[in-house]
């Protein structure tokens, strides 16, 4: 089982990395073979099901997000804990809610993410 206090610290670091555009710290959370799904990836890269694979792909995706939305700011709302993953709920600078469902590998790195956005 995942330790909630430790995960709250990690979530706070992830939010801070996004808000400060610290790509190096942000990428430290992810496994090299990360599988990432989001509507933004589908739109931005014209990929089926919004699927990106590998740390290089999500780095490009995150850098493009920083470029396209320079005012991006995330506010932590909730963290739900599972056996091998979490659901991180946050609010975007637009006021819309988002959630990242993240699964971890045996080394504690995020191996899969599915992003959900308020429509």
PDB file of N, CA and C in Angstrom:
ATOM      1  N   UNK A   1       0.842  -1.188   0.000  1.00  0.00           N
ATOM      2  CA  UNK A   1       0.000   0.000   0.000  1.00  0.00           C
ATOM      3  C   UNK A   1       0.885   1.249   0.000  1.00  0.00           C
ATOM      4  N   UNK A   2       0.437   2.255  -0.668  1.00  0.00           N
ATOM      5  CA  UNK A   2       1.179   3.506  -0.785  1.00  0.00           C
ATOM      6  C   UNK A   2       0.975   4.352   0.463  1.00  0.00           C
ATOM      7  N   UNK A   3       2.037   4.975   0.952  1.00  0.00           N
ATOM      8  CA  UNK A   3       1.983   5.836   2.127  1.00  0.00           C
ATOM      9  C   UNK A   3       1.417   7.206   1.733  1.00  0.00           C
ATOM     10  N   UNK A   4       0.282   7.586   2.337  1.00  0.00           N
ATOM     11  CA  UNK A   4      -0.407   8.819   1.944  1.00  0.00           C
ATOM     12  C   UNK A   4       0.433  10.062   2.214  1.00  0.00           C
ATOM     13  N   UNK A   5       1.087  10.147   3.352  1.00  0.00           N
ATOM     14  CA  UNK A   5       1.892  11.341   3.659  1.00  0.00           C
ATOM     15  C   UNK A   5       3.020  11.525   2.650  1.00  0.00           C
ATOM     16  N   UNK A   6       3.686  10.425   2.311  1.00  0.00           N
ATOM     17  CA  UNK A   6       4.756  10.483   1.313  1.00  0.00           C
ATOM     18  C   UNK A   6       4.191  10.910  -0.038  1.00  0.00           C
ATOM     19  N   UNK A   7       3.034  10.368  -0.398  1.00  0.00           N
ATOM     20  CA  UNK A   7       2.421  10.726  -1.686  1.00  0.00           C
ATOM     21  C   UNK A   7       1.961  12.175  -1.712  1.00  0.00           C
ATOM     22  N   UNK A   8       1.506  12.709  -0.591  1.00  0.00           N
ATOM     23  CA  UNK A   8       1.129  14.128  -0.534  1.00  0.00           C
ATOM     24  C   UNK A   8       2.337  15.016  -0.790  1.00  0.00           C
ATOM     25  N   UNK A   9       3.494  14.640  -0.239  1.00  0.00           N
ATOM     26  CA  UNK A   9       4.734  15.388  -0.485  1.00  0.00           C
ATOM     27  C   UNK A   9       5.124  15.324  -1.959  1.00  0.00           C
ATOM     28  N   UNK A  10       5.018  14.132  -2.544  1.00  0.00           N
ATOM     29  CA  UNK A  10       5.352  13.963  -3.966  1.00  0.00           C
ATOM     30  C   UNK A  10       4.395  14.777  -4.829  1.00  0.00           C
ATOM     31  N   UNK A  11       3.111  14.737  -4.508  1.00  0.00           N
ATOM     32  CA  UNK A  11       2.114  15.503  -5.271  1.00  0.00           C
ATOM     33  C   UNK A  11       2.398  16.995  -5.182  1.00  0.00           C
ATOM     34  N   UNK A  12       2.752  17.471  -3.997  1.00  0.00           N
ATOM     35  CA  UNK A  12       3.079  18.894  -3.832  1.00  0.00           C
ATOM     36  C   UNK A  12       4.299  19.266  -4.676  1.00  0.00           C
ATOM     37  N   UNK A  13       5.288  18.385  -4.727  1.00  0.00           N
ATOM     38  CA  UNK A  13       6.474  18.629  -5.558  1.00  0.00           C
ATOM     39  C   UNK A  13       6.143  18.648  -7.034  1.00  0.00           C
ATOM     40  N   UNK A  14       5.240  17.771  -7.449  1.00  0.00           N
ATOM     41  CA  UNK A  14       4.815  17.709  -8.852  1.00  0.00           C
ATOM     42  C   UNK A  14       4.085  18.996  -9.239  1.00  0.00           C
ATOM     43  N   UNK A  15       3.157  19.445  -8.383  1.00  0.00           N
ATOM     44  CA  UNK A  15       2.421  20.691  -8.631  1.00  0.00           C
ATOM     45  C   UNK A  15       3.397  21.865  -8.702  1.00  0.00           C
ATOM     46  N   UNK A  16       4.332  21.918  -7.763  1.00  0.00           N
ATOM     47  CA  UNK A  16       5.318  23.011  -7.745  1.00  0.00           C
ATOM     48  C   UNK A  16       6.162  23.000  -9.014  1.00  0.00           C
ATOM     49  N   UNK A  17       6.583  21.813  -9.457  1.00  0.00           N
ATOM     50  CA  UNK A  17       7.387  21.713 -10.685  1.00  0.00           C
ATOM     51  C   UNK A  17       6.605  22.241 -11.888  1.00  0.00           C
ATOM     52  N   UNK A  18       5.318  21.907 -11.976  1.00  0.00           N
ATOM     53  CA  UNK A  18       4.487  22.442 -13.067  1.00  0.00           C
ATOM     54  C   UNK A  18       4.413  23.958 -12.980  1.00  0.00           C
ATOM     55  N   UNK A  19       4.129  24.464 -11.786  1.00  0.00           N
ATOM     56  CA  UNK A  19       3.903  25.905 -11.632  1.00  0.00           C
ATOM     57  C   UNK A  19       5.162  26.740 -11.806  1.00  0.00           C
ATOM     58  N   UNK A  20       6.328  26.132 -11.614  1.00  0.00           N
ATOM     59  CA  UNK A  20       7.589  26.856 -11.786  1.00  0.00           C
ATOM     60  C   UNK A  20       8.283  26.514 -13.103  1.00  0.00           C
ATOM     61  N   UNK A  21       7.628  25.657 -13.914  1.00  0.00           N
ATOM     62  CA  UNK A  21       8.163  25.236 -15.221  1.00  0.00           C
ATOM     63  C   UNK A  21       9.504  24.525 -15.078  1.00  0.00           C
ATOM     64  N   UNK A  22       9.640  23.756 -14.002  1.00  0.00           N
ATOM     65  CA  UNK A  22      10.882  23.024 -13.712  1.00  0.00           C
ATOM     66  C   UNK A  22      10.805  21.644 -14.369  1.00  0.00           C
ATOM     67  N   UNK A  23      11.151  21.591 -15.637  1.00  0.00           N
ATOM     68  CA  UNK A  23      11.000  20.359 -16.418  1.00  0.00           C
ATOM     69  C   UNK A  23      11.855  19.226 -15.866  1.00  0.00           C
ATOM     70  N   UNK A  24      13.044  19.531 -15.373  1.00  0.00           N
ATOM     71  CA  UNK A  24      13.925  18.483 -14.848  1.00  0.00           C
ATOM     72  C   UNK A  24      13.285  17.782 -13.645  1.00  0.00           C
ATOM     73  N   UNK A  25      12.794  18.551 -12.689  1.00  0.00           N
ATOM     74  CA  UNK A  25      12.142  17.978 -11.509  1.00  0.00           C
ATOM     75  C   UNK A  25      10.863  17.251 -11.901  1.00  0.00           C
ATOM     76  N   UNK A  26      10.111  17.828 -12.811  1.00  0.00           N
ATOM     77  CA  UNK A  26       8.869  17.209 -13.272  1.00  0.00           C
ATOM     78  C   UNK A  26       9.137  15.826 -13.853  1.00  0.00           C
ATOM     79  N   UNK A  27      10.128  15.711 -14.706  1.00  0.00           N
ATOM     80  CA  UNK A  27      10.430  14.441 -15.366  1.00  0.00           C
ATOM     81  C   UNK A  27      10.983  13.384 -14.416  1.00  0.00           C
ATOM     82  N   UNK A  28      11.540  13.804 -13.283  1.00  0.00           N
ATOM     83  CA  UNK A  28      12.071  12.839 -12.310  1.00  0.00           C
ATOM     84  C   UNK A  28      10.979  11.926 -11.745  1.00  0.00           C
ATOM     85  N   UNK A  29       9.727  12.344 -11.855  1.00  0.00           N
ATOM     86  CA  UNK A  29       8.614  11.553 -11.334  1.00  0.00           C
ATOM     87  C   UNK A  29       8.273  10.359 -12.228  1.00  0.00           C
ATOM     88  N   UNK A  30       8.747  10.372 -13.480  1.00  0.00           N
ATOM     89  CA  UNK A  30       8.287   9.408 -14.480  1.00  0.00           C
ATOM     90  C   UNK A  30       9.338   8.365 -14.832  1.00  0.00           C
ATOM     91  N   UNK A  31       8.864   7.145 -15.103  1.00  0.00           N
ATOM     92  CA  UNK A  31       9.734   6.071 -15.605  1.00  0.00           C
ATOM     93  C   UNK A  31      10.131   6.384 -17.043  1.00  0.00           C
ATOM     94  N   UNK A  32      11.256   5.850 -17.479  1.00  0.00           N
ATOM     95  CA  UNK A  32      11.719   6.077 -18.852  1.00  0.00           C
ATOM     96  C   UNK A  32      10.716   5.573 -19.883  1.00  0.00           C
ATOM     97  N   UNK A  33       9.989   4.510 -19.539  1.00  0.00           N
ATOM     98  CA  UNK A  33       9.035   3.907 -20.481  1.00  0.00           C
ATOM     99  C   UNK A  33       7.584   4.303 -20.166  1.00  0.00           C
ATOM    100  N   UNK A  34       7.396   5.479 -19.613  1.00  0.00           N
ATOM    101  CA  UNK A  34       6.075   5.992 -19.266  1.00  0.00           C
ATOM    102  C   UNK A  34       5.104   5.877 -20.445  1.00  0.00           C
ATOM    103  N   UNK A  35       3.860   5.516 -20.141  1.00  0.00           N
ATOM    104  CA  UNK A  35       2.777   5.541 -21.125  1.00  0.00           C
ATOM    105  C   UNK A  35       1.788   6.580 -20.610  1.00  0.00           C
ATOM    106  N   UNK A  36       1.502   7.558 -21.445  1.00  0.00           N
ATOM    107  CA  UNK A  36       0.758   8.752 -21.030  1.00  0.00           C
ATOM    108  C   UNK A  36      -0.390   8.978 -22.004  1.00  0.00           C
ATOM    109  N   UNK A  37      -1.605   9.152 -21.461  1.00  0.00           N
ATOM    110  CA  UNK A  37      -2.791   9.386 -22.290  1.00  0.00           C
ATOM    111  C   UNK A  37      -3.440  10.710 -21.888  1.00  0.00           C
ATOM    112  N   UNK A  38      -3.700  11.560 -22.869  1.00  0.00           N
ATOM    113  CA  UNK A  38      -4.450  12.781 -22.576  1.00  0.00           C
ATOM    114  C   UNK A  38      -5.061  13.343 -23.856  1.00  0.00           C
ATOM    115  N   UNK A  39      -6.165  14.051 -23.675  1.00  0.00           N
ATOM    116  CA  UNK A  39      -6.813  14.717 -24.810  1.00  0.00           C
ATOM    117  C   UNK A  39      -5.882  15.772 -25.406  1.00  0.00           C
ATOM    118  N   UNK A  40      -5.105  16.433 -24.561  1.00  0.00           N
ATOM    119  CA  UNK A  40      -4.166  17.445 -25.060  1.00  0.00           C
ATOM    120  C   UNK A  40      -3.112  16.805 -25.966  1.00  0.00           C
ATOM    121  N   UNK A  41      -2.654  15.612 -25.616  1.00  0.00           N
ATOM    122  CA  UNK A  41      -1.681  14.907 -26.457  1.00  0.00           C
ATOM    123  C   UNK A  41      -2.303  14.547 -27.795  1.00  0.00           C
ATOM    124  N   UNK A  42      -3.559  14.110 -27.773  1.00  0.00           N
ATOM    125  CA  UNK A  42      -4.253  13.782 -29.032  1.00  0.00           C
ATOM    126  C   UNK A  42      -4.333  15.009 -29.924  1.00  0.00           C
ATOM    127  N   UNK A  43      -4.709  16.135 -29.342  1.00  0.00           N
ATOM    128  CA  UNK A  43      -4.828  17.384 -30.107  1.00  0.00           C
ATOM    129  C   UNK A  43      -3.466  17.908 -30.567  1.00  0.00           C
ATOM    130  N   UNK A  44      -2.537  17.947 -29.654  1.00  0.00           N
ATOM    131  CA  UNK A  44      -1.241  18.574 -29.917  1.00  0.00           C
ATOM    132  C   UNK A  44      -0.388  17.773 -30.908  1.00  0.00           C
ATOM    133  N   UNK A  45      -0.414  16.452 -30.808  1.00  0.00           N
ATOM    134  CA  UNK A  45       0.483  15.603 -31.602  1.00  0.00           C
ATOM    135  C   UNK A  45      -0.254  14.728 -32.610  1.00  0.00           C
ATOM    136  N   UNK A  46      -1.583  14.833 -32.646  1.00  0.00           N
ATOM    137  CA  UNK A  46      -2.390  14.050 -33.574  1.00  0.00           C
ATOM    138  C   UNK A  46      -2.087  12.552 -33.448  1.00  0.00           C
ATOM    139  N   UNK A  47      -2.070  12.081 -32.194  1.00  0.00           N
ATOM    140  CA  UNK A  47      -1.806  10.669 -31.931  1.00  0.00           C
ATOM    141  C   UNK A  47      -3.095   9.985 -31.479  1.00  0.00           C
ATOM    142  N   UNK A  48      -3.254   8.754 -31.912  1.00  0.00           N
ATOM    143  CA  UNK A  48      -4.445   7.985 -31.584  1.00  0.00           C
ATOM    144  C   UNK A  48      -4.584   7.804 -30.073  1.00  0.00           C
ATOM    145  N   UNK A  49      -5.778   8.047 -29.577  1.00  0.00           N
ATOM    146  CA  UNK A  49      -6.124   7.896 -28.160  1.00  0.00           C
ATOM    147  C   UNK A  49      -5.291   8.803 -27.255  1.00  0.00           C
ATOM    148  N   UNK A  50      -4.595   9.783 -27.831  1.00  0.00           N
ATOM    149  CA  UNK A  50      -3.791  10.691 -27.020  1.00  0.00           C
ATOM    150  C   UNK A  50      -2.652  10.008 -26.307  1.00  0.00           C
ATOM    151  N   UNK A  51      -2.140   8.925 -26.907  1.00  0.00           N
ATOM    152  CA  UNK A  51      -1.123   8.093 -26.262  1.00  0.00           C
ATOM    153  C   UNK A  51       0.289   8.533 -26.648  1.00  0.00           C
ATOM    154  N   UNK A  52       1.083   8.830 -25.618  1.00  0.00           N
ATOM    155  CA  UNK A  52       2.507   9.113 -25.789  1.00  0.00           C
ATOM    156  C   UNK A  52       3.280   8.045 -25.022  1.00  0.00           C
ATOM    157  N   UNK A  53       4.407   7.620 -25.568  1.00  0.00           N
ATOM    158  CA  UNK A  53       5.217   6.585 -24.924  1.00  0.00           C
ATOM    159  C   UNK A  53       6.645   7.088 -24.783  1.00  0.00           C
ATOM    160  N   UNK A  54       7.166   7.000 -23.564  1.00  0.00           N
ATOM    161  CA  UNK A  54       8.556   7.343 -23.293  1.00  0.00           C
ATOM    162  C   UNK A  54       8.727   8.742 -22.733  1.00  0.00           C
ATOM    163  N   UNK A  55       9.761   8.898 -21.944  1.00  0.00           N
ATOM    164  CA  UNK A  55      10.042  10.163 -21.280  1.00  0.00           C
ATOM    165  C   UNK A  55      10.347  11.283 -22.272  1.00  0.00           C
ATOM    166  N   UNK A  56      10.997  10.961 -23.376  1.00  0.00           N
ATOM    167  CA  UNK A  56      11.294  11.978 -24.393  1.00  0.00           C
ATOM    168  C   UNK A  56      10.007  12.562 -24.959  1.00  0.00           C
ATOM    169  N   UNK A  57       9.019  11.697 -25.200  1.00  0.00           N
ATOM    170  CA  UNK A  57       7.731  12.154 -25.745  1.00  0.00           C
ATOM    171  C   UNK A  57       6.995  13.047 -24.758  1.00  0.00           C
ATOM    172  N   UNK A  58       6.977  12.678 -23.476  1.00  0.00           N
ATOM    173  CA  UNK A  58       6.250  13.532 -22.533  1.00  0.00           C
ATOM    174  C   UNK A  58       7.021  14.815 -22.238  1.00  0.00           C
ATOM    175  N   UNK A  59       8.343  14.780 -22.338  1.00  0.00           N
ATOM    176  CA  UNK A  59       9.106  16.024 -22.181  1.00  0.00           C
ATOM    177  C   UNK A  59       8.710  17.021 -23.268  1.00  0.00           C
ATOM    178  N   UNK A  60       8.640  16.559 -24.501  1.00  0.00           N
ATOM    179  CA  UNK A  60       8.220  17.441 -25.599  1.00  0.00           C
ATOM    180  C   UNK A  60       6.800  17.948 -25.358  1.00  0.00           C
ATOM    181  N   UNK A  61       5.933  17.062 -24.889  1.00  0.00           N
ATOM    182  CA  UNK A  61       4.543  17.424 -24.604  1.00  0.00           C
ATOM    183  C   UNK A  61       4.464  18.493 -23.509  1.00  0.00           C
ATOM    184  N   UNK A  62       5.201  18.301 -22.433  1.00  0.00           N
ATOM    185  CA  UNK A  62       5.183  19.262 -21.334  1.00  0.00           C
ATOM    186  C   UNK A  62       5.785  20.598 -21.761  1.00  0.00           C
ATOM    187  N   UNK A  63       6.882  20.556 -22.505  1.00  0.00           N
ATOM    188  CA  UNK A  63       7.493  21.811 -22.975  1.00  0.00           C
ATOM    189  C   UNK A  63       6.519  22.592 -23.869  1.00  0.00           C
ATOM    190  N   UNK A  64       5.809  21.869 -24.712  1.00  0.00           N
ATOM    191  CA  UNK A  64       4.823  22.507 -25.589  1.00  0.00           C
ATOM    192  C   UNK A  64       3.684  23.103 -24.761  1.00  0.00           C
ATOM    193  N   UNK A  65       3.281  22.419 -23.704  1.00  0.00           N
ATOM    194  CA  UNK A  65       2.239  22.944 -22.806  1.00  0.00           C
ATOM    195  C   UNK A  65       2.704  24.246 -22.159  1.00  0.00           C
ATOM    196  N   UNK A  66       3.951  24.289 -21.703  1.00  0.00           N
ATOM    197  CA  UNK A  66       4.489  25.520 -21.105  1.00  0.00           C
ATOM    198  C   UNK A  66       4.473  26.660 -22.120  1.00  0.00           C
ATOM    199  N   UNK A  67       4.780  26.329 -23.372  1.00  0.00           N
ATOM    200  CA  UNK A  67       4.801  27.317 -24.448  1.00  0.00           C
ATOM    201  C   UNK A  67       3.390  27.796 -24.795  1.00  0.00           C
ATOM    202  N   UNK A  68       2.455  26.861 -24.932  1.00  0.00           N
ATOM    203  CA  UNK A  68       1.088  27.202 -25.332  1.00  0.00           C
ATOM    204  C   UNK A  68       0.293  27.888 -24.231  1.00  0.00           C
ATOM    205  N   UNK A  69       0.581  27.534 -22.976  1.00  0.00           N
ATOM    206  CA  UNK A  69      -0.183  28.090 -21.851  1.00  0.00           C
ATOM    207  C   UNK A  69       0.796  28.643 -20.808  1.00  0.00           C
ATOM    208  N   UNK A  70       1.418  29.786 -21.115  1.00  0.00           N
ATOM    209  CA  UNK A  70       2.434  30.319 -20.194  1.00  0.00           C
ATOM    210  C   UNK A  70       1.883  30.681 -18.811  1.00  0.00           C
ATOM    211  N   UNK A  71       0.586  30.918 -18.734  1.00  0.00           N
ATOM    212  CA  UNK A  71      -0.029  31.266 -17.448  1.00  0.00           C
ATOM    213  C   UNK A  71      -0.495  30.045 -16.665  1.00  0.00           C
ATOM    214  N   UNK A  72      -0.165  28.850 -17.153  1.00  0.00           N
ATOM    215  CA  UNK A  72      -0.621  27.622 -16.492  1.00  0.00           C
ATOM    216  C   UNK A  72      -0.255  27.633 -15.006  1.00  0.00           C
ATOM    217  N   UNK A  73      -1.257  27.316 -14.196  1.00  0.00           N
ATOM    218  CA  UNK A  73      -1.059  27.250 -12.757  1.00  0.00           C
ATOM    219  C   UNK A  73      -2.009  26.202 -12.202  1.00  0.00           C
ATOM    220  N   UNK A  74      -1.464  25.240 -11.485  1.00  0.00           N
ATOM    221  CA  UNK A  74      -2.256  24.152 -10.930  1.00  0.00           C
ATOM    222  C   UNK A  74      -2.409  24.340  -9.419  1.00  0.00           C
ATOM    223  N   UNK A  75      -3.598  24.048  -8.931  1.00  0.00           N
ATOM    224  CA  UNK A  75      -3.880  24.114  -7.497  1.00  0.00           C
ATOM    225  C   UNK A  75      -4.315  22.732  -7.026  1.00  0.00           C
ATOM    226  N   UNK A  76      -3.594  22.194  -6.062  1.00  0.00           N
ATOM    227  CA  UNK A  76      -3.908  20.879  -5.503  1.00  0.00           C
ATOM    228  C   UNK A  76      -5.286  20.898  -4.869  1.00  0.00           C
ATOM    229  N   UNK A  77      -6.083  19.827  -5.114  1.00  0.00           N
ATOM    230  CA  UNK A  77      -7.401  19.691  -4.508  1.00  0.00           C
ATOM    231  C   UNK A  77      -7.543  18.418  -3.679  1.00  0.00           C
ATOM    232  N   UNK A  78      -7.105  17.286  -4.221  1.00  0.00           N
ATOM    233  CA  UNK A  78      -7.310  16.020  -3.515  1.00  0.00           C
ATOM    234  C   UNK A  78      -6.365  14.954  -4.045  1.00  0.00           C
ATOM    235  N   UNK A  79      -6.044  14.006  -3.187  1.00  0.00           N
ATOM    236  CA  UNK A  79      -5.232  12.856  -3.578  1.00  0.00           C
ATOM    237  C   UNK A  79      -5.918  11.608  -3.051  1.00  0.00           C
ATOM    238  N   UNK A  80      -6.309  10.732  -3.969  1.00  0.00           N
ATOM    239  CA  UNK A  80      -6.926   9.456  -3.605  1.00  0.00           C
ATOM    240  C   UNK A  80      -5.890   8.361  -3.828  1.00  0.00           C
ATOM    241  N   UNK A  81      -5.764   7.473  -2.849  1.00  0.00           N
ATOM    242  CA  UNK A  81      -4.703   6.468  -2.846  1.00  0.00           C
ATOM    243  C   UNK A  81      -5.253   5.091  -3.187  1.00  0.00           C
ATOM    244  N   UNK A  82      -4.552   4.383  -4.067  1.00  0.00           N
ATOM    245  CA  UNK A  82      -4.876   3.005  -4.399  1.00  0.00           C
ATOM    246  C   UNK A  82      -3.732   2.097  -3.991  1.00  0.00           C
ATOM    247  N   UNK A  83      -3.794   0.858  -4.428  1.00  0.00           N
ATOM    248  CA  UNK A  83      -2.769  -0.120  -4.085  1.00  0.00           C
ATOM    249  C   UNK A  83      -1.445   0.200  -4.773  1.00  0.00           C
ATOM    250  N   UNK A  84      -1.493   0.509  -6.064  1.00  0.00           N
ATOM    251  CA  UNK A  84      -0.257   0.783  -6.814  1.00  0.00           C
ATOM    252  C   UNK A  84      -0.346   2.076  -7.618  1.00  0.00           C
ATOM    253  N   UNK A  85      -1.227   2.981  -7.165  1.00  0.00           N
ATOM    254  CA  UNK A  85      -1.368   4.237  -7.880  1.00  0.00           C
ATOM    255  C   UNK A  85      -2.176   5.247  -7.105  1.00  0.00           C
ATOM    256  N   UNK A  86      -2.332   6.420  -7.722  1.00  0.00           N
ATOM    257  CA  UNK A  86      -3.067   7.518  -7.103  1.00  0.00           C
ATOM    258  C   UNK A  86      -3.937   8.211  -8.144  1.00  0.00           C
ATOM    259  N   UNK A  87      -4.909   8.953  -7.632  1.00  0.00           N
ATOM    260  CA  UNK A  87      -5.681   9.873  -8.448  1.00  0.00           C
ATOM    261  C   UNK A  87      -5.429  11.251  -7.857  1.00  0.00           C
ATOM    262  N   UNK A  88      -4.739  12.089  -8.619  1.00  0.00           N
ATOM    263  CA  UNK A  88      -4.397  13.440  -8.181  1.00  0.00           C
ATOM    264  C   UNK A  88      -5.383  14.407  -8.832  1.00  0.00           C
ATOM    265  N   UNK A  89      -6.154  15.094  -8.011  1.00  0.00           N
ATOM    266  CA  UNK A  89      -7.158  16.030  -8.490  1.00  0.00           C
ATOM    267  C   UNK A  89      -6.629  17.445  -8.266  1.00  0.00           C
ATOM    268  N   UNK A  90      -6.728  18.263  -9.311  1.00  0.00           N
ATOM    269  CA  UNK A  90      -6.219  19.633  -9.228  1.00  0.00           C
ATOM    270  C   UNK A  90      -7.079  20.551 -10.081  1.00  0.00           C
ATOM    271  N   UNK A  91      -6.942  21.844  -9.807  1.00  0.00           N
ATOM    272  CA  UNK A  91      -7.693  22.845 -10.560  1.00  0.00           C
ATOM    273  C   UNK A  91      -6.715  23.622 -11.432  1.00  0.00           C
ATOM    274  N   UNK A  92      -7.114  23.824 -12.680  1.00  0.00           N
ATOM    275  CA  UNK A  92      -6.297  24.583 -13.630  1.00  0.00           C
ATOM    276  C   UNK A  92      -6.500  26.081 -13.426  1.00  0.00           C
ATOM    277  N   UNK A  93      -5.646  26.875 -14.032  1.00  0.00           N
ATOM    278  CA  UNK A  93      -5.729  28.336 -13.960  1.00  0.00           C
ATOM    279  C   UNK A  93      -7.047  28.858 -14.541  1.00  0.00           C
ATOM    280  N   UNK A  94      -7.701  28.046 -15.352  1.00  0.00           N
ATOM    281  CA  UNK A  94      -8.980  28.417 -15.964  1.00  0.00           C
ATOM    282  C   UNK A  94     -10.156  28.209 -15.012  1.00  0.00           C
ATOM    283  N   UNK A  95      -9.903  27.539 -13.895  1.00  0.00           N
ATOM    284  CA  UNK A  95     -10.960  27.188 -12.963  1.00  0.00           C
ATOM    285  C   UNK A  95     -11.497  25.786 -13.189  1.00  0.00           C
ATOM    286  N   UNK A  96     -11.122  25.173 -14.299  1.00  0.00           N
ATOM    287  CA  UNK A  96     -11.588  23.819 -14.615  1.00  0.00           C
ATOM    288  C   UNK A  96     -10.812  22.788 -13.808  1.00  0.00           C
ATOM    289  N   UNK A  97     -11.518  21.718 -13.469  1.00  0.00           N
ATOM    290  CA  UNK A  97     -10.911  20.639 -12.695  1.00  0.00           C
ATOM    291  C   UNK A  97     -10.276  19.608 -13.628  1.00  0.00           C
ATOM    292  N   UNK A  98      -9.174  19.028 -13.158  1.00  0.00           N
ATOM    293  CA  UNK A  98      -8.490  17.948 -13.865  1.00  0.00           C
ATOM    294  C   UNK A  98      -8.063  16.901 -12.848  1.00  0.00           C
ATOM    295  N   UNK A  99      -7.811  15.696 -13.348  1.00  0.00           N
ATOM    296  CA  UNK A  99      -7.313  14.624 -12.486  1.00  0.00           C
ATOM    297  C   UNK A  99      -6.371  13.750 -13.297  1.00  0.00           C
ATOM    298  N   UNK A 100      -5.281  13.373 -12.667  1.00  0.00           N
ATOM    299  CA  UNK A 100      -4.328  12.442 -13.269  1.00  0.00           C
ATOM    300  C   UNK A 100      -4.389  11.133 -12.487  1.00  0.00           C
ATOM    301  N   UNK A 101      -4.713  10.057 -13.197  1.00  0.00           N
ATOM    302  CA  UNK A 101      -4.663   8.720 -12.633  1.00  0.00           C
ATOM    303  C   UNK A 101      -3.277   8.187 -12.946  1.00  0.00           C
ATOM    304  N   UNK A 102      -2.476   7.927 -11.926  1.00  0.00           N
ATOM    305  CA  UNK A 102      -1.082   7.518 -12.123  1.00  0.00           C
ATOM    306  C   UNK A 102      -0.812   6.177 -11.453  1.00  0.00           C
ATOM    307  N   UNK A 103      -0.200   5.271 -12.208  1.00  0.00           N
ATOM    308  CA  UNK A 103       0.234   3.975 -11.690  1.00  0.00           C
ATOM    309  C   UNK A 103       1.753   3.985 -11.562  1.00  0.00           C
ATOM    310  N   UNK A 104       2.262   3.317 -10.526  1.00  0.00           N
ATOM    311  CA  UNK A 104       3.692   3.310 -10.249  1.00  0.00           C
ATOM    312  C   UNK A 104       4.334   1.966 -10.561  1.00  0.00           C
ATOM    313  N   UNK A 105       5.601   2.027 -10.965  1.00  0.00           N
ATOM    314  CA  UNK A 105       6.354   0.786 -11.155  1.00  0.00           C
ATOM    315  C   UNK A 105       6.986   0.380  -9.825  1.00  0.00           C
ATOM    316  N   UNK A 106       7.734  -0.710  -9.844  1.00  0.00           N
ATOM    317  CA  UNK A 106       8.346  -1.229  -8.615  1.00  0.00           C
ATOM    318  C   UNK A 106       9.418  -0.312  -8.033  1.00  0.00           C
ATOM    319  N   UNK A 107       9.904   0.655  -8.820  1.00  0.00           N
ATOM    320  CA  UNK A 107      10.908   1.611  -8.348  1.00  0.00           C
ATOM    321  C   UNK A 107      10.279   2.921  -7.862  1.00  0.00           C
ATOM    322  N   UNK A 108       8.945   2.965  -7.858  1.00  0.00           N
ATOM    323  CA  UNK A 108       8.256   4.151  -7.374  1.00  0.00           C
ATOM    324  C   UNK A 108       8.113   5.267  -8.391  1.00  0.00           C
ATOM    325  N   UNK A 109       8.424   4.974  -9.649  1.00  0.00           N
ATOM    326  CA  UNK A 109       8.272   5.962 -10.717  1.00  0.00           C
ATOM    327  C   UNK A 109       6.924   5.751 -11.406  1.00  0.00           C
ATOM    328  N   UNK A 110       6.373   6.829 -11.937  1.00  0.00           N
ATOM    329  CA  UNK A 110       5.089   6.732 -12.628  1.00  0.00           C
ATOM    330  C   UNK A 110       5.298   6.013 -13.951  1.00  0.00           C
ATOM    331  N   UNK A 111       4.551   4.921 -14.149  1.00  0.00           N
ATOM    332  CA  UNK A 111       4.680   4.130 -15.368  1.00  0.00           C
ATOM    333  C   UNK A 111       3.528   4.365 -16.343  1.00  0.00           C
ATOM    334  N   UNK A 112       2.384   4.849 -15.826  1.00  0.00           N
ATOM    335  CA  UNK A 112       1.245   5.138 -16.703  1.00  0.00           C
ATOM    336  C   UNK A 112       0.431   6.278 -16.108  1.00  0.00           C
ATOM    337  N   UNK A 113      -0.023   7.164 -16.983  1.00  0.00           N
ATOM    338  CA  UNK A 113      -0.871   8.288 -16.580  1.00  0.00           C
ATOM    339  C   UNK A 113      -2.043   8.382 -17.546  1.00  0.00           C
ATOM    340  N   UNK A 114      -3.211   8.611 -16.980  1.00  0.00           N
ATOM    341  CA  UNK A 114      -4.406   8.932 -17.771  1.00  0.00           C
ATOM    342  C   UNK A 114      -4.956  10.230 -17.203  1.00  0.00           C
ATOM    343  N   UNK A 115      -5.034  11.233 -18.064  1.00  0.00           N
ATOM    344  CA  UNK A 115      -5.467  12.570 -17.649  1.00  0.00           C
ATOM    345  C   UNK A 115      -6.951  12.746 -17.950  1.00  0.00           C
ATOM    346  N   UNK A 116      -7.680  13.256 -16.987  1.00  0.00           N
ATOM    347  CA  UNK A 116      -9.102  13.525 -17.125  1.00  0.00           C
ATOM    348  C   UNK A 116      -9.337  15.008 -16.894  1.00  0.00           C
ATOM    349  N   UNK A 117     -10.175  15.620 -17.743  1.00  0.00           N
ATOM    350  CA  UNK A 117     -10.440  17.051 -17.653  1.00  0.00           C
ATOM    351  C   UNK A 117     -11.926  17.332 -17.611  1.00  0.00           C
ATOM    352  N   UNK A 118     -12.278  18.349 -16.849  1.00  0.00           N
ATOM    353  CA  UNK A 118     -13.662  18.817 -16.827  1.00  0.00           C
ATOM    354  C   UNK A 118     -13.982  19.391 -18.199  1.00  0.00           C
ATOM    355  N   UNK A 119     -15.148  19.028 -18.718  1.00  0.00           N
ATOM    356  CA  UNK A 119     -15.489  19.537 -20.051  1.00  0.00           C
ATOM    357  C   UNK A 119     -16.299  20.813 -19.977  1.00  0.00           C
TER     358      UNK A 119
END
